[in-house]
């Protein structure tokens, strides 16, 4: 897909989904297909892959947020 330098800074983190279906033929099934594909994407928000399990937030791989671990360790 070519964007022709249109708003390149504004679309830096935009997730684009392209379909072969033209607008007059775009129906509910196509919309659901787009939503399902969008939900299955892995988002890193600019971070690089660390090799941790998906969804793990701590260095130890735990799902406890960092602030809660600090409180737990200090308390």
C-alpha atoms as a PDB file:
ATOM      1  CA  UNK A   1       0.000   0.000   0.000  1.00  0.00           C
ATOM      2  CA  UNK A   2       1.316   3.430  -0.857  1.00  0.00           C
ATOM      3  CA  UNK A   3       0.564   6.467   1.300  1.00  0.00           C
ATOM      4  CA  UNK A   4       2.472   8.989  -0.856  1.00  0.00           C
ATOM      5  CA  UNK A   5       4.008  10.838   2.111  1.00  0.00           C
ATOM      6  CA  UNK A   6       0.555  11.829   3.372  1.00  0.00           C
ATOM      7  CA  UNK A   7       0.696  12.725   7.085  1.00  0.00           C
ATOM      8  CA  UNK A   8       3.632  10.420   7.773  1.00  0.00           C
ATOM      9  CA  UNK A   9       4.275  11.791  11.277  1.00  0.00           C
ATOM     10  CA  UNK A  10       0.599  11.549  12.201  1.00  0.00           C
ATOM     11  CA  UNK A  11       0.307   7.903  11.212  1.00  0.00           C
ATOM     12  CA  UNK A  12       3.502   6.722  12.909  1.00  0.00           C
ATOM     13  CA  UNK A  13       1.714   4.281  15.262  1.00  0.00           C
ATOM     14  CA  UNK A  14      -1.428   3.807  13.207  1.00  0.00           C
ATOM     15  CA  UNK A  15      -2.533   0.269  12.491  1.00  0.00           C
ATOM     16  CA  UNK A  16      -3.855   0.015   8.959  1.00  0.00           C
ATOM     17  CA  UNK A  17      -6.012  -2.832   7.716  1.00  0.00           C
ATOM     18  CA  UNK A  18      -6.353  -3.228   3.965  1.00  0.00           C
ATOM     19  CA  UNK A  19      -9.011  -5.297   2.233  1.00  0.00           C
ATOM     20  CA  UNK A  20      -9.680  -6.248  -1.360  1.00  0.00           C
ATOM     21  CA  UNK A  21     -13.386  -5.484  -0.806  1.00  0.00           C
ATOM     22  CA  UNK A  22     -14.528  -2.214  -2.324  1.00  0.00           C
ATOM     23  CA  UNK A  23     -16.708   0.154  -0.276  1.00  0.00           C
ATOM     24  CA  UNK A  24     -20.084  -0.626  -1.889  1.00  0.00           C
ATOM     25  CA  UNK A  25     -19.541  -4.338  -1.141  1.00  0.00           C
ATOM     26  CA  UNK A  26     -18.225  -3.811   2.399  1.00  0.00           C
ATOM     27  CA  UNK A  27     -20.686  -5.567   4.722  1.00  0.00           C
ATOM     28  CA  UNK A  28     -20.966  -6.597   8.358  1.00  0.00           C
ATOM     29  CA  UNK A  29     -18.969  -9.808   7.793  1.00  0.00           C
ATOM     30  CA  UNK A  30     -16.052  -7.794   6.401  1.00  0.00           C
ATOM     31  CA  UNK A  31     -16.202  -5.434   9.389  1.00  0.00           C
ATOM     32  CA  UNK A  32     -16.103  -8.369  11.822  1.00  0.00           C
ATOM     33  CA  UNK A  33     -13.162  -9.854   9.906  1.00  0.00           C
ATOM     34  CA  UNK A  34     -11.304  -6.541  10.313  1.00  0.00           C
ATOM     35  CA  UNK A  35     -12.112  -6.355  14.046  1.00  0.00           C
ATOM     36  CA  UNK A  36     -10.989  -9.945  14.669  1.00  0.00           C
ATOM     37  CA  UNK A  37      -7.723  -9.353  12.819  1.00  0.00           C
ATOM     38  CA  UNK A  38      -7.166  -6.109  14.716  1.00  0.00           C
ATOM     39  CA  UNK A  39      -7.779  -7.829  18.082  1.00  0.00           C
ATOM     40  CA  UNK A  40      -5.233 -10.533  17.292  1.00  0.00           C
ATOM     41  CA  UNK A  41      -2.352  -8.103  16.702  1.00  0.00           C
ATOM     42  CA  UNK A  42       0.496  -7.970  19.166  1.00  0.00           C
ATOM     43  CA  UNK A  43       1.038  -4.414  20.341  1.00  0.00           C
ATOM     44  CA  UNK A  44       4.368  -3.403  21.827  1.00  0.00           C
ATOM     45  CA  UNK A  45       3.803   0.381  21.922  1.00  0.00           C
ATOM     46  CA  UNK A  46       7.314   1.111  20.676  1.00  0.00           C
ATOM     47  CA  UNK A  47       9.056  -1.481  22.859  1.00  0.00           C
ATOM     48  CA  UNK A  48      11.284  -4.190  21.476  1.00  0.00           C
ATOM     49  CA  UNK A  49      10.607  -7.882  21.981  1.00  0.00           C
ATOM     50  CA  UNK A  50      12.232  -9.029  25.239  1.00  0.00           C
ATOM     51  CA  UNK A  51      11.433 -12.707  24.877  1.00  0.00           C
ATOM     52  CA  UNK A  52       9.111 -12.638  27.900  1.00  0.00           C
ATOM     53  CA  UNK A  53       5.801 -14.442  27.782  1.00  0.00           C
ATOM     54  CA  UNK A  54       3.070 -12.380  26.173  1.00  0.00           C
ATOM     55  CA  UNK A  55       1.355 -10.144  28.716  1.00  0.00           C
ATOM     56  CA  UNK A  56       4.055 -10.503  31.376  1.00  0.00           C
ATOM     57  CA  UNK A  57       4.891  -7.176  32.926  1.00  0.00           C
ATOM     58  CA  UNK A  58       7.628  -7.912  35.424  1.00  0.00           C
ATOM     59  CA  UNK A  59      11.250  -8.904  34.955  1.00  0.00           C
ATOM     60  CA  UNK A  60      10.378 -12.142  36.707  1.00  0.00           C
ATOM     61  CA  UNK A  61       7.511 -12.734  34.257  1.00  0.00           C
ATOM     62  CA  UNK A  62       4.836 -12.077  36.872  1.00  0.00           C
ATOM     63  CA  UNK A  63       1.610 -10.335  36.007  1.00  0.00           C
ATOM     64  CA  UNK A  64       1.824  -8.063  39.074  1.00  0.00           C
ATOM     65  CA  UNK A  65       2.365  -4.392  38.100  1.00  0.00           C
ATOM     66  CA  UNK A  66       5.720  -2.906  39.100  1.00  0.00           C
ATOM     67  CA  UNK A  67       4.224  -0.489  41.669  1.00  0.00           C
ATOM     68  CA  UNK A  68       2.375  -3.344  43.414  1.00  0.00           C
ATOM     69  CA  UNK A  69       5.583  -5.437  43.526  1.00  0.00           C
ATOM     70  CA  UNK A  70       7.476  -2.536  45.101  1.00  0.00           C
ATOM     71  CA  UNK A  71       4.737  -2.083  47.724  1.00  0.00           C
ATOM     72  CA  UNK A  72       4.689  -5.833  48.337  1.00  0.00           C
ATOM     73  CA  UNK A  73       8.468  -6.016  48.711  1.00  0.00           C
ATOM     74  CA  UNK A  74       8.703  -2.960  50.978  1.00  0.00           C
ATOM     75  CA  UNK A  75       5.646  -3.772  53.078  1.00  0.00           C
END
